[in-house]
C-alpha atoms as a PDB file:
ATOM      1  CA  MET A   1     165.845 -31.608  60.350  1.00  0.00           C
ATOM      2  CA  SER A   2     167.747 -31.197  57.099  1.00  0.00           C
ATOM      3  CA  LYS A   3     171.047 -33.006  56.845  1.00  0.00           C
ATOM      4  CA  ILE A   4     173.582 -30.632  55.301  1.00  0.00           C
ATOM      5  CA  TYR A   5     176.967 -31.500  53.797  1.00  0.00           C
ATOM      6  CA  ILE A   6     179.401 -28.781  52.657  1.00  0.00           C
ATOM      7  CA  VAL A   7     182.448 -29.020  50.391  1.00  0.00           C
ATOM      8  CA  ILE A   8     184.885 -26.078  50.221  1.00  0.00           C
ATOM      9  CA  PRO A   9     187.738 -26.089  47.678  1.00  0.00           C
ATOM     10  CA  ALA A  10     190.672 -24.026  48.990  1.00  0.00           C
ATOM     11  CA  HIS A  11     193.978 -22.911  47.495  1.00  0.00           C
ATOM     12  CA  ASN A  12     196.241 -20.504  49.416  1.00  0.00           C
ATOM     13  CA  GLU A  13     193.404 -19.050  51.460  1.00  0.00           C
ATOM     14  CA  GLU A  14     195.278 -18.249  54.688  1.00  0.00           C
ATOM     15  CA  LYS A  15     193.901 -14.691  54.673  1.00  0.00           C
ATOM     16  CA  PHE A  16     190.262 -15.712  54.555  1.00  0.00           C
ATOM     17  CA  ILE A  17     189.628 -19.353  55.478  1.00  0.00           C
ATOM     18  CA  SER A  18     189.364 -18.706  59.241  1.00  0.00           C
ATOM     19  CA  LYS A  19     186.640 -16.129  58.727  1.00  0.00           C
ATOM     20  CA  THR A  20     184.729 -18.479  56.469  1.00  0.00           C
ATOM     21  CA  LEU A  21     184.930 -21.391  58.887  1.00  0.00           C
ATOM     22  CA  ASP A  22     184.118 -19.219  61.908  1.00  0.00           C
ATOM     23  CA  SER A  23     180.913 -18.137  60.173  1.00  0.00           C
ATOM     24  CA  LEU A  24     179.994 -21.753  59.420  1.00  0.00           C
ATOM     25  CA  VAL A  25     180.735 -23.286  62.825  1.00  0.00           C
ATOM     26  CA  ASN A  26     178.558 -20.596  64.406  1.00  0.00           C
ATOM     27  CA  GLN A  27     175.485 -21.222  62.267  1.00  0.00           C
ATOM     28  CA  SER A  28     172.080 -21.526  63.924  1.00  0.00           C
ATOM     29  CA  LEU A  29     171.777 -24.808  61.988  1.00  0.00           C
ATOM     30  CA  LEU A  30     175.146 -26.547  61.883  1.00  0.00           C
ATOM     31  CA  PRO A  31     176.288 -28.641  58.924  1.00  0.00           C
ATOM     32  CA  ASP A  32     176.520 -32.383  59.538  1.00  0.00           C
ATOM     33  CA  LYS A  33     179.753 -32.680  57.567  1.00  0.00           C
ATOM     34  CA  LEU A  34     182.152 -30.055  56.240  1.00  0.00           C
ATOM     35  CA  VAL A  35     184.967 -31.085  53.908  1.00  0.00           C
ATOM     36  CA  ILE A  36     187.708 -28.628  53.006  1.00  0.00           C
ATOM     37  CA  VAL A  37     189.761 -29.648  49.985  1.00  0.00           C
ATOM     38  CA  ASP A  38     193.245 -28.174  50.308  1.00  0.00           C
ATOM     39  CA  ASP A  39     194.336 -27.948  46.692  1.00  0.00           C
ATOM     40  CA  ASN A  40     198.124 -27.770  46.732  1.00  0.00           C
ATOM     41  CA  SER A  41     198.337 -24.748  49.042  1.00  0.00           C
ATOM     42  CA  SER A  42     201.826 -23.368  49.642  1.00  0.00           C
ATOM     43  CA  ASP A  43     200.903 -20.930  52.425  1.00  0.00           C
ATOM     44  CA  ASN A  44     199.552 -21.590  55.947  1.00  0.00           C
ATOM     45  CA  THR A  45     196.131 -22.782  54.812  1.00  0.00           C
ATOM     46  CA  ASN A  46     196.711 -26.351  55.965  1.00  0.00           C
ATOM     47  CA  LYS A  47     198.004 -25.300  59.417  1.00  0.00           C
ATOM     48  CA  ILE A  48     194.913 -23.173  59.926  1.00  0.00           C
ATOM     49  CA  LEU A  49     192.613 -25.982  58.816  1.00  0.00           C
ATOM     50  CA  LYS A  50     194.154 -28.419  61.303  1.00  0.00           C
ATOM     51  CA  THR A  51     193.176 -26.173  64.200  1.00  0.00           C
ATOM     52  CA  TYR A  52     189.531 -26.447  63.134  1.00  0.00           C
ATOM     53  CA  VAL A  53     189.665 -30.210  62.618  1.00  0.00           C
ATOM     54  CA  ASP A  54     190.963 -30.559  66.177  1.00  0.00           C
ATOM     55  CA  ARG A  55     188.036 -28.541  67.554  1.00  0.00           C
ATOM     56  CA  TYR A  56     185.139 -29.634  65.345  1.00  0.00           C
ATOM     57  CA  PRO A  57     184.559 -33.360  64.661  1.00  0.00           C
ATOM     58  CA  PHE A  58     182.367 -32.680  61.620  1.00  0.00           C
ATOM     59  CA  ILE A  59     185.227 -30.969  59.732  1.00  0.00           C
ATOM     60  CA  VAL A  60     187.512 -33.037  57.492  1.00  0.00           C
ATOM     61  CA  ILE A  61     190.507 -32.049  55.334  1.00  0.00           C
ATOM     62  CA  VAL A  62     191.266 -33.609  51.948  1.00  0.00           C
ATOM     63  CA  HIS A  63     194.585 -32.922  50.211  1.00  0.00           C
ATOM     64  CA  ILE A  64     195.019 -32.874  46.437  1.00  0.00           C
ATOM     65  CA  ARG A  65     197.691 -31.560  44.083  1.00  0.00           C
ATOM     66  CA  SER A  66     196.511 -29.838  40.926  1.00  0.00           C
ATOM     67  CA  LYS A  67     198.144 -27.221  38.732  1.00  0.00           C
ATOM     68  CA  GLU A  68     198.930 -23.821  40.219  1.00  0.00           C
ATOM     69  CA  GLN A  69     197.217 -21.975  37.385  1.00  0.00           C
ATOM     70  CA  HIS A  70     193.749 -20.804  38.429  1.00  0.00           C
ATOM     71  CA  LEU A  71     191.456 -21.438  35.493  1.00  0.00           C
ATOM     72  CA  PRO A  72     187.810 -20.987  36.481  1.00  0.00           C
ATOM     73  CA  GLY A  73     185.710 -24.110  36.204  1.00  0.00           C
ATOM     74  CA  SER A  74     187.827 -27.215  35.920  1.00  0.00           C
ATOM     75  CA  LYS A  75     190.212 -26.563  38.829  1.00  0.00           C
ATOM     76  CA  VAL A  76     187.559 -25.725  41.394  1.00  0.00           C
ATOM     77  CA  ILE A  77     185.124 -28.470  40.357  1.00  0.00           C
ATOM     78  CA  ASN A  78     187.838 -31.116  40.278  1.00  0.00           C
ATOM     79  CA  ALA A  79     188.657 -30.083  43.846  1.00  0.00           C
ATOM     80  CA  PHE A  80     184.965 -30.162  44.774  1.00  0.00           C
ATOM     81  CA  ASN A  81     184.624 -33.671  43.318  1.00  0.00           C
ATOM     82  CA  ALA A  82     187.630 -34.820  45.341  1.00  0.00           C
ATOM     83  CA  GLY A  83     185.815 -33.700  48.473  1.00  0.00           C
ATOM     84  CA  LEU A  84     182.615 -35.342  47.323  1.00  0.00           C
ATOM     85  CA  LYS A  85     184.361 -38.702  47.118  1.00  0.00           C
ATOM     86  CA  VAL A  86     184.914 -38.852  50.885  1.00  0.00           C
ATOM     87  CA  LEU A  87     181.259 -38.170  51.651  1.00  0.00           C
ATOM     88  CA  ASP A  88     178.393 -40.632  51.774  1.00  0.00           C
ATOM     89  CA  THR A  89     175.069 -39.841  50.111  1.00  0.00           C
ATOM     90  CA  ASP A  90     173.047 -39.674  53.313  1.00  0.00           C
ATOM     91  CA  TYR A  91     172.322 -35.952  53.028  1.00  0.00           C
ATOM     92  CA  ASP A  92     169.387 -33.730  52.132  1.00  0.00           C
ATOM     93  CA  ILE A  93     171.320 -30.635  51.039  1.00  0.00           C
ATOM     94  CA  LEU A  94     174.764 -30.444  49.441  1.00  0.00           C
ATOM     95  CA  CYS A  95     176.637 -27.122  49.417  1.00  0.00           C
ATOM     96  CA  LYS A  96     179.603 -26.006  47.350  1.00  0.00           C
ATOM     97  CA  PHE A  97     181.063 -22.917  49.033  1.00  0.00           C
ATOM     98  CA  ASP A  98     184.152 -20.817  48.385  1.00  0.00           C
ATOM     99  CA  ALA A  99     186.833 -20.293  51.039  1.00  0.00           C
ATOM    100  CA  ASP A 100     186.631 -16.492  51.093  1.00  0.00           C
ATOM    101  CA  LEU A 101     183.097 -15.862  52.363  1.00  0.00           C
ATOM    102  CA  ILE A 102     181.502 -14.734  55.613  1.00  0.00           C
ATOM    103  CA  PHE A 103     177.996 -16.159  56.004  1.00  0.00           C
ATOM    104  CA  PRO A 104     175.265 -14.623  58.167  1.00  0.00           C
ATOM    105  CA  SER A 105     174.556 -16.840  61.178  1.00  0.00           C
ATOM    106  CA  ASP A 106     171.159 -17.989  59.865  1.00  0.00           C
ATOM    107  CA  TYR A 107     172.340 -18.778  56.334  1.00  0.00           C
ATOM    108  CA  LEU A 108     172.072 -22.576  56.448  1.00  0.00           C
ATOM    109  CA  GLU A 109     168.853 -22.516  58.445  1.00  0.00           C
ATOM    110  CA  THR A 110     167.222 -20.142  55.970  1.00  0.00           C
ATOM    111  CA  VAL A 111     168.387 -22.119  52.932  1.00  0.00           C
ATOM    112  CA  ALA A 112     167.103 -25.338  54.510  1.00  0.00           C
ATOM    113  CA  SER A 113     163.736 -23.692  55.140  1.00  0.00           C
ATOM    114  CA  HIS A 114     163.387 -22.837  51.447  1.00  0.00           C
ATOM    115  CA  PHE A 115     163.922 -26.472  50.492  1.00  0.00           C
ATOM    116  CA  LYS A 116     161.464 -27.606  53.152  1.00  0.00           C
ATOM    117  CA  THR A 117     158.767 -25.066  52.273  1.00  0.00           C
ATOM    118  CA  ASP A 118     158.813 -25.632  48.509  1.00  0.00           C
ATOM    119  CA  HIS A 119     159.596 -29.156  47.328  1.00  0.00           C
ATOM    120  CA  ASN A 120     160.089 -27.891  43.787  1.00  0.00           C
ATOM    121  CA  VAL A 121     163.164 -25.858  44.799  1.00  0.00           C
ATOM    122  CA  GLY A 122     166.252 -27.651  43.531  1.00  0.00           C
ATOM    123  CA  MET A 123     168.848 -24.974  44.305  1.00  0.00           C
ATOM    124  CA  ALA A 124     168.926 -22.089  46.763  1.00  0.00           C
ATOM    125  CA  GLY A 125     171.279 -19.323  47.840  1.00  0.00           C
ATOM    126  CA  GLY A 126     171.875 -15.706  48.791  1.00  0.00           C
ATOM    127  CA  PHE A 127     173.957 -12.933  47.273  1.00  0.00           C
ATOM    128  CA  CYS A 128     177.603 -11.898  47.423  1.00  0.00           C
ATOM    129  CA  TYR A 129     178.586  -8.468  48.735  1.00  0.00           C
ATOM    130  CA  ILE A 130     182.021  -6.876  48.348  1.00  0.00           C
ATOM    131  CA  SER A 131     183.701  -4.118  50.339  1.00  0.00           C
ATOM    132  CA  LYS A 132     183.820  -0.719  48.620  1.00  0.00           C
ATOM    133  CA  ASN A 133     184.743   2.498  50.403  1.00  0.00           C
ATOM    134  CA  LYS A 134     184.163   0.867  53.802  1.00  0.00           C
ATOM    135  CA  HIS A 135     180.672  -0.272  52.776  1.00  0.00           C
ATOM    136  CA  TRP A 136     179.405  -3.674  51.670  1.00  0.00           C
ATOM    137  CA  GLU A 137     177.840  -3.466  48.224  1.00  0.00           C
ATOM    138  CA  LEU A 138     176.171  -6.093  46.046  1.00  0.00           C
ATOM    139  CA  GLU A 139     178.684  -7.743  43.700  1.00  0.00           C
ATOM    140  CA  ASN A 140     176.437  -7.136  40.730  1.00  0.00           C
ATOM    141  CA  LEU A 141     177.719  -9.544  38.068  1.00  0.00           C
ATOM    142  CA  THR A 142     174.596 -11.600  37.377  1.00  0.00           C
ATOM    143  CA  ASN A 143     170.813 -11.506  37.269  1.00  0.00           C
ATOM    144  CA  LYS A 144     168.933 -11.635  40.556  1.00  0.00           C
ATOM    145  CA  ASP A 145     167.583 -15.085  39.672  1.00  0.00           C
ATOM    146  CA  HIS A 146     171.078 -16.612  39.509  1.00  0.00           C
ATOM    147  CA  ILE A 147     173.002 -18.170  42.404  1.00  0.00           C
ATOM    148  CA  ARG A 148     176.699 -17.370  42.309  1.00  0.00           C
ATOM    149  CA  GLY A 149     179.124 -20.276  42.070  1.00  0.00           C
ATOM    150  CA  ALA A 150     180.635 -19.211  45.386  1.00  0.00           C
ATOM    151  CA  LEU A 151     177.597 -20.261  47.419  1.00  0.00           C
ATOM    152  CA  LYS A 152     175.626 -23.049  45.776  1.00  0.00           C
ATOM    153  CA  ALA A 153     173.223 -25.281  47.727  1.00  0.00           C
ATOM    154  CA  TYR A 154     171.510 -28.248  46.056  1.00  0.00           C
ATOM    155  CA  ARG A 155     168.681 -30.547  46.999  1.00  0.00           C
ATOM    156  CA  LYS A 156     170.106 -34.065  46.692  1.00  0.00           C
ATOM    157  CA  GLU A 157     167.536 -35.169  44.111  1.00  0.00           C
ATOM    158  CA  CYS A 158     168.297 -32.130  41.942  1.00  0.00           C
ATOM    159  CA  PHE A 159     172.049 -32.680  42.233  1.00  0.00           C
ATOM    160  CA  ASN A 160     171.551 -36.266  41.082  1.00  0.00           C
ATOM    161  CA  ASP A 161     169.313 -35.215  38.182  1.00  0.00           C
ATOM    162  CA  ILE A 162     171.925 -32.839  36.776  1.00  0.00           C
ATOM    163  CA  ASN A 163     174.577 -35.531  37.264  1.00  0.00           C
ATOM    164  CA  GLY A 164     176.745 -33.377  39.520  1.00  0.00           C
ATOM    165  CA  LEU A 165     178.816 -30.388  38.466  1.00  0.00           C
ATOM    166  CA  THR A 166     180.548 -29.984  35.112  1.00  0.00           C
ATOM    167  CA  PRO A 167     184.332 -29.344  35.391  1.00  0.00           C
ATOM    168  CA  ALA A 168     184.355 -26.519  32.856  1.00  0.00           C
ATOM    169  CA  MET A 169     183.994 -22.749  32.616  1.00  0.00           C
ATOM    170  CA  GLY A 170     180.318 -21.875  33.045  1.00  0.00           C
ATOM    171  CA  TRP A 171     179.561 -24.778  35.392  1.00  0.00           C
ATOM    172  CA  ASP A 172     177.567 -22.483  37.675  1.00  0.00           C
ATOM    173  CA  THR A 173     175.253 -21.587  34.798  1.00  0.00           C
ATOM    174  CA  ILE A 174     175.031 -25.094  33.374  1.00  0.00           C
ATOM    175  CA  ASP A 175     173.833 -26.489  36.706  1.00  0.00           C
ATOM    176  CA  GLU A 176     170.922 -24.044  36.894  1.00  0.00           C
ATOM    177  CA  LEU A 177     169.910 -24.517  33.266  1.00  0.00           C
ATOM    178  CA  LEU A 178     169.935 -28.300  33.639  1.00  0.00           C
ATOM    179  CA  ALA A 179     168.049 -28.077  36.938  1.00  0.00           C
ATOM    180  CA  GLN A 180     165.289 -26.183  35.145  1.00  0.00           C
ATOM    181  CA  PHE A 181     165.407 -28.670  32.259  1.00  0.00           C
ATOM    182  CA  TYR A 182     164.567 -31.382  34.797  1.00  0.00           C
ATOM    183  CA  GLY A 183     161.733 -29.332  36.302  1.00  0.00           C
ATOM    184  CA  TRP A 184     163.427 -27.807  39.345  1.00  0.00           C
ATOM    185  CA  SER A 185     163.179 -24.144  40.340  1.00  0.00           C
ATOM    186  CA  ILE A 186     165.989 -21.839  41.491  1.00  0.00           C
ATOM    187  CA  LYS A 187     165.455 -19.893  44.714  1.00  0.00           C
ATOM    188  CA  THR A 188     167.460 -16.752  45.475  1.00  0.00           C
ATOM    189  CA  ASP A 189     167.024 -14.942  48.789  1.00  0.00           C
ATOM    190  CA  ALA A 190     167.994 -11.260  48.873  1.00  0.00           C
ATOM    191  CA  SER A 191     167.937 -11.259  52.681  1.00  0.00           C
ATOM    192  CA  LEU A 192     170.967 -13.568  52.756  1.00  0.00           C
ATOM    193  CA  LYS A 193     173.878 -11.154  52.352  1.00  0.00           C
ATOM    194  CA  VAL A 194     177.205 -12.972  52.204  1.00  0.00           C
ATOM    195  CA  LYS A 195     180.466 -11.038  52.446  1.00  0.00           C
ATOM    196  CA  HIS A 196     182.797 -11.923  49.591  1.00  0.00           C
ATOM    197  CA  LEU A 197     186.323 -11.138  50.763  1.00  0.00           C
ATOM    198  CA  LYS A 198     188.079 -11.701  47.433  1.00  0.00           C
ATOM    199  CA  PRO A 199     186.130 -10.217  44.488  1.00  0.00           C
ATOM    200  CA  THR A 200     185.481 -12.531  41.562  1.00  0.00           C
ATOM    201  CA  GLY A 201     188.164 -12.884  38.918  1.00  0.00           C
ATOM    202  CA  GLN A 202     191.155 -11.567  40.851  1.00  0.00           C
ATOM    203  CA  THR A 203     193.145 -14.769  40.385  1.00  0.00           C
ATOM    204  CA  TYR A 204     191.991 -15.838  36.928  1.00  0.00           C
ATOM    205  CA  HIS A 205     194.586 -16.591  34.270  1.00  0.00           C
ATOM    206  CA  THR A 206     194.382 -14.557  31.062  1.00  0.00           C
ATOM    207  CA  SER A 207     193.301 -17.588  29.019  1.00  0.00           C
ATOM    208  CA  SER A 208     190.040 -17.676  31.010  1.00  0.00           C
ATOM    209  CA  LYS A 209     188.835 -14.702  28.973  1.00  0.00           C
ATOM    210  CA  LEU A 210     188.609 -16.908  25.899  1.00  0.00           C
ATOM    211  CA  LYS A 211     187.130 -19.782  27.886  1.00  0.00           C
ATOM    212  CA  GLN A 212     184.009 -17.741  28.682  1.00  0.00           C
ATOM    213  CA  GLY A 213     183.212 -17.524  24.966  1.00  0.00           C
ATOM    214  CA  GLN A 214     183.980 -21.219  24.608  1.00  0.00           C
ATOM    215  CA  ALA A 215     181.530 -21.910  27.431  1.00  0.00           C
ATOM    216  CA  PHE A 216     178.757 -20.057  25.582  1.00  0.00           C
ATOM    217  CA  TYR A 217     179.396 -22.338  22.603  1.00  0.00           C
ATOM    218  CA  GLN A 218     179.520 -25.497  24.704  1.00  0.00           C
ATOM    219  CA  ILE A 219     176.122 -24.855  26.276  1.00  0.00           C
ATOM    220  CA  ARG A 220     174.700 -24.369  22.778  1.00  0.00           C
ATOM    221  CA  TYR A 221     173.779 -20.688  23.077  1.00  0.00           C
ATOM    222  CA  GLY A 222     174.358 -20.077  19.392  1.00  0.00           C
ATOM    223  CA  PHE A 223     175.758 -16.833  17.994  1.00  0.00           C
ATOM    224  CA  TRP A 224     173.021 -14.331  18.890  1.00  0.00           C
ATOM    225  CA  LEU A 225     172.672 -15.385  22.525  1.00  0.00           C
ATOM    226  CA  THR A 226     176.465 -15.428  22.796  1.00  0.00           C
ATOM    227  CA  LEU A 227     176.578 -11.897  21.389  1.00  0.00           C
ATOM    228  CA  ILE A 228     174.005 -10.629  23.888  1.00  0.00           C
ATOM    229  CA  ALA A 229     175.612 -12.451  26.818  1.00  0.00           C
ATOM    230  CA  SER A 230     179.064 -11.123  25.869  1.00  0.00           C
ATOM    231  CA  ILE A 231     177.844  -7.540  25.701  1.00  0.00           C
ATOM    232  CA  LYS A 232     176.063  -7.843  29.036  1.00  0.00           C
ATOM    233  CA  LEU A 233     178.958  -9.491  30.880  1.00  0.00           C
ATOM    234  CA  SER A 234     181.567  -7.068  29.589  1.00  0.00           C
ATOM    235  CA  ILE A 235     179.377  -4.158  30.705  1.00  0.00           C
ATOM    236  CA  LEU A 236     178.805  -5.654  34.159  1.00  0.00           C
ATOM    237  CA  LYS A 237     182.546  -6.201  34.577  1.00  0.00           C
ATOM    238  CA  LYS A 238     183.210  -2.703  33.195  1.00  0.00           C
ATOM    239  CA  GLN A 239     185.785  -4.104  30.758  1.00  0.00           C
ATOM    240  CA  PRO A 240     184.669  -3.481  27.134  1.00  0.00           C
ATOM    241  CA  LYS A 241     187.620  -5.468  25.755  1.00  0.00           C
ATOM    242  CA  LEU A 242     186.171  -8.642  27.261  1.00  0.00           C
ATOM    243  CA  PHE A 243     183.405  -8.508  24.642  1.00  0.00           C
ATOM    244  CA  PHE A 244     185.944  -9.208  21.906  1.00  0.00           C
ATOM    245  CA  ASP A 245     187.716 -11.844  24.007  1.00  0.00           C
ATOM    246  CA  TYR A 246     184.440 -13.698  24.539  1.00  0.00           C
ATOM    247  CA  LEU A 247     183.576 -13.658  20.844  1.00  0.00           C
ATOM    248  CA  GLN A 248     187.091 -14.792  19.969  1.00  0.00           C
ATOM    249  CA  GLY A 249     186.702 -17.717  22.369  1.00  0.00           C
ATOM    250  CA  TYR A 250     183.308 -18.570  20.853  1.00  0.00           C
ATOM    251  CA  PHE A 251     184.548 -18.610  17.251  1.00  0.00           C
ATOM    252  CA  LYS A 252     187.650 -20.547  18.273  1.00  0.00           C
ATOM    253  CA  ALA A 253     185.379 -23.217  19.767  1.00  0.00           C
ATOM    254  CA  VAL A 254     183.283 -23.260  16.580  1.00  0.00           C
ATOM    255  CA  LYS A 255     186.396 -23.707  14.445  1.00  0.00           C
ATOM    256  CA  ASN A 256     187.788 -26.459  16.675  1.00  0.00           C
ATOM    257  CA  ARG A 257     184.404 -28.182  16.978  1.00  0.00           C
ATOM    258  CA  THR A 258     184.830 -28.211  20.735  1.00  0.00           C
ATOM    259  CA  PRO A 259     182.572 -30.869  22.331  1.00  0.00           C
ATOM    260  CA  TYR A 260     179.238 -29.649  23.702  1.00  0.00           C
ATOM    261  CA  LEU A 261     178.471 -29.949  27.408  1.00  0.00           C
ATOM    262  CA  VAL A 262     174.717 -30.444  26.965  1.00  0.00           C
ATOM    263  CA  THR A 263     172.618 -32.588  24.635  1.00  0.00           C
ATOM    264  CA  ALA A 264     170.815 -31.192  21.598  1.00  0.00           C
ATOM    265  CA  GLU A 265     167.489 -31.443  23.465  1.00  0.00           C
ATOM    266  CA  GLN A 266     168.913 -29.643  26.471  1.00  0.00           C
ATOM    267  CA  GLY A 267     170.391 -27.022  24.145  1.00  0.00           C
ATOM    268  CA  ARG A 268     166.982 -26.298  22.601  1.00  0.00           C
ATOM    269  CA  PHE A 269     165.495 -25.938  26.079  1.00  0.00           C
ATOM    270  CA  ILE A 270     168.322 -23.611  27.156  1.00  0.00           C
ATOM    271  CA  ARG A 271     167.935 -21.335  24.136  1.00  0.00           C
ATOM    272  CA  LYS A 272     164.175 -21.193  24.530  1.00  0.00           C
ATOM    273  CA  LEU A 273     164.537 -20.371  28.227  1.00  0.00           C
ATOM    274  CA  ARG A 274     167.094 -17.636  27.562  1.00  0.00           C
ATOM    275  CA  TRP A 275     165.056 -15.983  24.809  1.00  0.00           C
ATOM    276  CA  LYS A 276     161.956 -16.115  26.996  1.00  0.00           C
ATOM    277  CA  LYS A 277     163.761 -14.223  29.755  1.00  0.00           C
ATOM    278  CA  ILE A 278     165.165 -11.672  27.311  1.00  0.00           C
ATOM    279  CA  PHE A 279     161.786 -10.941  25.726  1.00  0.00           C
ATOM    280  CA  GLY A 280     160.189 -10.912  29.185  1.00  0.00           C
ATOM    281  CA  LYS A 281     162.451  -8.015  30.150  1.00  0.00           C
ATOM    282  CA  LEU A 282     161.864  -6.145  26.900  1.00  0.00           C
ATOM    283  CA  PHE A 283     158.088  -6.395  26.882  1.00  0.00           C
END
């Protein structure tokens, strides 16, 4: 049996956290430990969490106080790392989940089976669906070979190889690129449809628009890959203005000589991998 640990960062999630936890405590394969990190919530999140701790011995609450401003990347990963500190390392699979998801009842069992079947799989996950016109539709913001940051699952050895998660915008791309740098594969499963109750980006601060461009710089994309990625992401989000915000963030990082998040060798691998995928789609 796979030993599964889950860490869920949560900030003012009273509307959704019960649905998320209900879907996890009713899994066909239960997690061995589930840590919810209550990050300075001012609503009833903590009261709701206590009712689950009283009923389920494998659930633990951790309290931290960070800034109210919701900047993608650093805030959520700092909360995740706070939860990680209370866990031991006696696990096979480590999950970082958001607090606004409803998982199908076989989600953990299916993810565990992918790790068991293919020992080269370092990360695995399903896809997020959002409610539109009373129907659940794919939240189509990324390629089908990418696992959304909301529902990451890591093999322990892979998680150790990538040295954990980077507290910066783009962390959920950096982890996959580094996993592949170290020889791991990424497994996405289209049959695992997860309901995302709060669509991505609803709570992001305006400064996050520039941080996306900065992230492209920090993972050593270079100008042309940044240009292509900015065009693609602004189209997917149906916000053309974001293209200019991303480029502004990129050039600001260039000017400020913002520190890179990957080594030069890793950067070369990342660029080669990205160009290979782009040309693979074109030809």
